[in-house]
Amino acid sequence: MRFLDRLQPLALVALRLVLGIIMVGHGYGKVFHGGLAQHVARVSSLGLPGWLAYPSAFAEFFGGILVILGLFTRCASLAIMIDMGVAIWKIHWKNGLLAKGGTEFPLTLATIAFVLIFFGAGPIALDAIRRGGGGGGAKSKKA
């Protein structure tokens, strides 16, 4: 089973790619093509200040890009987790876990973001290059 430990960096890449691609896909329409005004209106209709639409949209689109690249992964994942937490609270909670529009999908995304906050991007990431090869992975450095 030790060989599975050597595959952990690939598992972190897979988590980053899945989360990042989905978030970029969801954020793209909000950031570009006039979608930001609609997003502001939607956020306002939820009883939240309209200006929160900007960090929400940017967390989804630009945070997704950062997660894919493995750059500032923990910060981007925190922003995504907060965004998904608010989405669950204000939009999906009333639908339950498994119903259409329920919490299942955003909860999964928030959980992936949560994992990346604590494990980091891993060694196959720009964070690892930026830190000189450390990558903030799950294994601690030996003295």
C-alpha atoms as a PDB file:
ATOM      1  CA  MET A   1       0.000   0.000   0.000  1.00  0.00           C
ATOM      2  CA  ARG A   2       3.010   2.340   0.277  1.00  0.00           C
ATOM      3  CA  PHE A   3       2.890   2.832  -3.472  1.00  0.00           C
ATOM      4  CA  LEU A   4      -0.437   4.638  -3.023  1.00  0.00           C
ATOM      5  CA  ASP A   5       1.347   7.227  -0.880  1.00  0.00           C
ATOM      6  CA  ARG A   6       3.510   8.075  -3.893  1.00  0.00           C
ATOM      7  CA  LEU A   7       0.345   8.804  -5.896  1.00  0.00           C
ATOM      8  CA  GLN A   8      -0.923  11.422  -3.441  1.00  0.00           C
ATOM      9  CA  PRO A   9       0.440  14.289  -5.568  1.00  0.00           C
ATOM     10  CA  LEU A  10      -1.689  13.049  -8.482  1.00  0.00           C
ATOM     11  CA  ALA A  11      -4.746  12.895  -6.232  1.00  0.00           C
ATOM     12  CA  LEU A  12      -4.204  16.546  -5.288  1.00  0.00           C
ATOM     13  CA  VAL A  13      -3.868  17.466  -8.976  1.00  0.00           C
ATOM     14  CA  ALA A  14      -7.130  15.645  -9.698  1.00  0.00           C
ATOM     15  CA  LEU A  15      -8.925  17.495  -6.881  1.00  0.00           C
ATOM     16  CA  ARG A  16      -7.510  20.828  -8.074  1.00  0.00           C
ATOM     17  CA  LEU A  17      -8.510  20.223 -11.686  1.00  0.00           C
ATOM     18  CA  VAL A  18     -12.046  19.121 -10.856  1.00  0.00           C
ATOM     19  CA  LEU A  19     -12.680  22.010  -8.478  1.00  0.00           C
ATOM     20  CA  GLY A  20     -10.952  24.587 -10.670  1.00  0.00           C
ATOM     21  CA  ILE A  21     -12.638  23.638 -13.933  1.00  0.00           C
ATOM     22  CA  ILE A  22     -16.088  23.600 -12.350  1.00  0.00           C
ATOM     23  CA  MET A  23     -15.530  26.940 -10.624  1.00  0.00           C
ATOM     24  CA  VAL A  24     -14.178  28.603 -13.777  1.00  0.00           C
ATOM     25  CA  GLY A  25     -17.201  27.284 -15.666  1.00  0.00           C
ATOM     26  CA  HIS A  26     -19.591  28.717 -13.088  1.00  0.00           C
ATOM     27  CA  GLY A  27     -17.737  31.998 -12.717  1.00  0.00           C
ATOM     28  CA  TYR A  28     -17.124  32.745 -16.396  1.00  0.00           C
ATOM     29  CA  GLY A  29     -20.656  33.897 -17.164  1.00  0.00           C
ATOM     30  CA  LYS A  30     -20.723  35.998 -14.022  1.00  0.00           C
ATOM     31  CA  VAL A  31     -17.484  37.841 -14.804  1.00  0.00           C
ATOM     32  CA  PHE A  32     -17.897  38.265 -18.571  1.00  0.00           C
ATOM     33  CA  HIS A  33     -20.660  39.078 -21.060  1.00  0.00           C
ATOM     34  CA  GLY A  34     -22.741  41.270 -18.761  1.00  0.00           C
ATOM     35  CA  GLY A  35     -23.348  38.508 -16.256  1.00  0.00           C
ATOM     36  CA  LEU A  36     -21.964  40.534 -13.373  1.00  0.00           C
ATOM     37  CA  ALA A  37     -24.954  42.895 -13.321  1.00  0.00           C
ATOM     38  CA  GLN A  38     -27.297  39.900 -13.231  1.00  0.00           C
ATOM     39  CA  HIS A  39     -25.231  38.335 -10.463  1.00  0.00           C
ATOM     40  CA  VAL A  40     -25.402  41.570  -8.430  1.00  0.00           C
ATOM     41  CA  ALA A  41     -29.194  41.542  -8.801  1.00  0.00           C
ATOM     42  CA  ARG A  42     -29.342  37.868  -7.788  1.00  0.00           C
ATOM     43  CA  VAL A  43     -27.182  38.416  -4.711  1.00  0.00           C
ATOM     44  CA  SER A  44     -29.282  41.443  -3.736  1.00  0.00           C
ATOM     45  CA  SER A  45     -32.468  39.397  -4.106  1.00  0.00           C
ATOM     46  CA  LEU A  46     -31.083  36.960  -1.519  1.00  0.00           C
ATOM     47  CA  GLY A  47     -30.996  39.715   1.083  1.00  0.00           C
ATOM     48  CA  LEU A  48     -27.243  40.200   0.867  1.00  0.00           C
ATOM     49  CA  PRO A  49     -25.449  43.403  -0.106  1.00  0.00           C
ATOM     50  CA  GLY A  50     -25.099  43.554  -3.896  1.00  0.00           C
ATOM     51  CA  TRP A  51     -21.386  44.310  -3.712  1.00  0.00           C
ATOM     52  CA  LEU A  52     -20.806  40.755  -2.426  1.00  0.00           C
ATOM     53  CA  ALA A  53     -21.478  39.577  -5.971  1.00  0.00           C
ATOM     54  CA  TYR A  54     -18.043  40.855  -7.002  1.00  0.00           C
ATOM     55  CA  PRO A  55     -15.947  38.761  -4.606  1.00  0.00           C
ATOM     56  CA  SER A  56     -18.291  35.843  -5.270  1.00  0.00           C
ATOM     57  CA  ALA A  57     -17.820  35.971  -9.040  1.00  0.00           C
ATOM     58  CA  PHE A  58     -14.083  36.581  -8.737  1.00  0.00           C
ATOM     59  CA  ALA A  59     -13.683  33.731  -6.240  1.00  0.00           C
ATOM     60  CA  GLU A  60     -15.368  31.406  -8.702  1.00  0.00           C
ATOM     61  CA  PHE A  61     -13.599  32.469 -11.897  1.00  0.00           C
ATOM     62  CA  PHE A  62     -10.167  33.684 -10.803  1.00  0.00           C
ATOM     63  CA  GLY A  63     -10.072  31.390  -7.768  1.00  0.00           C
ATOM     64  CA  GLY A  64     -10.776  28.474 -10.091  1.00  0.00           C
ATOM     65  CA  ILE A  65      -7.890  29.494 -12.336  1.00  0.00           C
ATOM     66  CA  LEU A  66      -5.546  29.778  -9.352  1.00  0.00           C
ATOM     67  CA  VAL A  67      -6.607  26.353  -8.067  1.00  0.00           C
ATOM     68  CA  ILE A  68      -6.009  24.767 -11.487  1.00  0.00           C
ATOM     69  CA  LEU A  69      -2.524  26.294 -11.607  1.00  0.00           C
ATOM     70  CA  GLY A  70      -1.828  25.416  -8.006  1.00  0.00           C
ATOM     71  CA  LEU A  71      -0.965  29.042  -7.232  1.00  0.00           C
ATOM     72  CA  PHE A  72      -2.048  30.557  -3.910  1.00  0.00           C
ATOM     73  CA  THR A  73      -4.136  27.407  -3.640  1.00  0.00           C
ATOM     74  CA  ARG A  74      -5.002  27.675   0.022  1.00  0.00           C
ATOM     75  CA  CYS A  75      -6.250  31.270  -0.254  1.00  0.00           C
ATOM     76  CA  ALA A  76      -8.201  30.558  -3.442  1.00  0.00           C
ATOM     77  CA  SER A  77      -9.699  27.421  -1.890  1.00  0.00           C
ATOM     78  CA  LEU A  78     -10.748  29.381   1.191  1.00  0.00           C
ATOM     79  CA  ALA A  79     -12.523  31.927  -1.018  1.00  0.00           C
ATOM     80  CA  ILE A  80     -14.248  29.123  -2.940  1.00  0.00           C
ATOM     81  CA  MET A  81     -15.266  27.351   0.264  1.00  0.00           C
ATOM     82  CA  ILE A  82     -16.804  30.562   1.628  1.00  0.00           C
ATOM     83  CA  ASP A  83     -18.580  31.157  -1.701  1.00  0.00           C
ATOM     84  CA  MET A  84     -20.018  27.629  -1.645  1.00  0.00           C
ATOM     85  CA  GLY A  85     -20.975  27.976   2.024  1.00  0.00           C
ATOM     86  CA  VAL A  86     -22.995  31.099   1.254  1.00  0.00           C
ATOM     87  CA  ALA A  87     -24.559  29.385  -1.780  1.00  0.00           C
ATOM     88  CA  ILE A  88     -25.602  26.437   0.391  1.00  0.00           C
ATOM     89  CA  TRP A  89     -26.976  28.742   3.085  1.00  0.00           C
ATOM     90  CA  LYS A  90     -28.874  31.172   0.871  1.00  0.00           C
ATOM     91  CA  ILE A  91     -29.891  29.059  -2.155  1.00  0.00           C
ATOM     92  CA  HIS A  92     -29.586  25.287  -1.775  1.00  0.00           C
ATOM     93  CA  TRP A  93     -30.421  24.549   1.875  1.00  0.00           C
ATOM     94  CA  LYS A  94     -34.187  24.741   1.405  1.00  0.00           C
ATOM     95  CA  ASN A  95     -34.014  21.987  -1.244  1.00  0.00           C
ATOM     96  CA  GLY A  96     -32.391  19.424   1.027  1.00  0.00           C
ATOM     97  CA  LEU A  97     -29.417  17.242   0.243  1.00  0.00           C
ATOM     98  CA  LEU A  98     -30.355  15.181  -2.808  1.00  0.00           C
ATOM     99  CA  ALA A  99     -33.266  17.056  -4.418  1.00  0.00           C
ATOM    100  CA  LYS A 100     -32.834  19.079  -7.595  1.00  0.00           C
ATOM    101  CA  GLY A 101     -30.965  22.234  -6.619  1.00  0.00           C
ATOM    102  CA  GLY A 102     -30.038  20.684  -3.285  1.00  0.00           C
ATOM    103  CA  THR A 103     -26.868  20.957  -1.263  1.00  0.00           C
ATOM    104  CA  GLU A 104     -25.162  17.857  -2.678  1.00  0.00           C
ATOM    105  CA  PHE A 105     -23.143  19.556  -5.448  1.00  0.00           C
ATOM    106  CA  PRO A 106     -22.040  22.760  -3.686  1.00  0.00           C
ATOM    107  CA  LEU A 107     -21.284  20.732  -0.548  1.00  0.00           C
ATOM    108  CA  THR A 108     -19.002  18.487  -2.590  1.00  0.00           C
ATOM    109  CA  LEU A 109     -17.196  21.516  -4.041  1.00  0.00           C
ATOM    110  CA  ALA A 110     -16.867  23.097  -0.589  1.00  0.00           C
ATOM    111  CA  THR A 111     -15.441  19.830   0.759  1.00  0.00           C
ATOM    112  CA  ILE A 112     -12.836  19.630  -2.018  1.00  0.00           C
ATOM    113  CA  ALA A 113     -11.875  23.241  -1.271  1.00  0.00           C
ATOM    114  CA  PHE A 114     -11.664  22.369   2.440  1.00  0.00           C
ATOM    115  CA  VAL A 115      -9.259  19.516   1.702  1.00  0.00           C
ATOM    116  CA  LEU A 116      -7.071  21.770  -0.448  1.00  0.00           C
ATOM    117  CA  ILE A 117      -6.909  24.383   2.317  1.00  0.00           C
ATOM    118  CA  PHE A 118      -5.338  21.830   4.648  1.00  0.00           C
ATOM    119  CA  PHE A 119      -3.252  19.759   2.218  1.00  0.00           C
ATOM    120  CA  GLY A 120      -2.185  22.532  -0.141  1.00  0.00           C
ATOM    121  CA  ALA A 121      -1.643  22.140  -3.851  1.00  0.00           C
ATOM    122  CA  GLY A 122       0.976  19.410  -3.537  1.00  0.00           C
ATOM    123  CA  PRO A 123       4.319  19.139  -5.318  1.00  0.00           C
ATOM    124  CA  ILE A 124       2.853  19.301  -8.847  1.00  0.00           C
ATOM    125  CA  ALA A 125       1.860  22.956  -8.643  1.00  0.00           C
ATOM    126  CA  LEU A 126       3.139  26.488  -9.040  1.00  0.00           C
ATOM    127  CA  ASP A 127       2.980  26.840  -5.253  1.00  0.00           C
ATOM    128  CA  ALA A 128       5.713  24.200  -5.023  1.00  0.00           C
ATOM    129  CA  ILE A 129       7.918  26.139  -7.445  1.00  0.00           C
ATOM    130  CA  ARG A 130       7.181  29.408  -5.652  1.00  0.00           C
ATOM    131  CA  ARG A 131       8.204  27.869  -2.332  1.00  0.00           C
ATOM    132  CA  GLY A 132      11.268  26.140  -3.683  1.00  0.00           C
ATOM    133  CA  GLY A 133       9.792  22.670  -4.067  1.00  0.00           C
ATOM    134  CA  GLY A 134       7.939  22.423  -0.735  1.00  0.00           C
ATOM    135  CA  GLY A 135       4.443  22.639  -2.184  1.00  0.00           C
ATOM    136  CA  GLY A 136       2.714  22.612   1.189  1.00  0.00           C
ATOM    137  CA  GLY A 137       1.878  18.942   0.809  1.00  0.00           C
ATOM    138  CA  ALA A 138       0.598  16.556   3.435  1.00  0.00           C
ATOM    139  CA  LYS A 139       4.048  15.236   4.375  1.00  0.00           C
ATOM    140  CA  SER A 140       6.199  17.295   6.684  1.00  0.00           C
ATOM    141  CA  LYS A 141       9.830  17.989   5.855  1.00  0.00           C
ATOM    142  CA  LYS A 142      12.397  15.996   7.757  1.00  0.00           C
ATOM    143  CA  ALA A 143      15.084  17.905   9.652  1.00  0.00           C
END
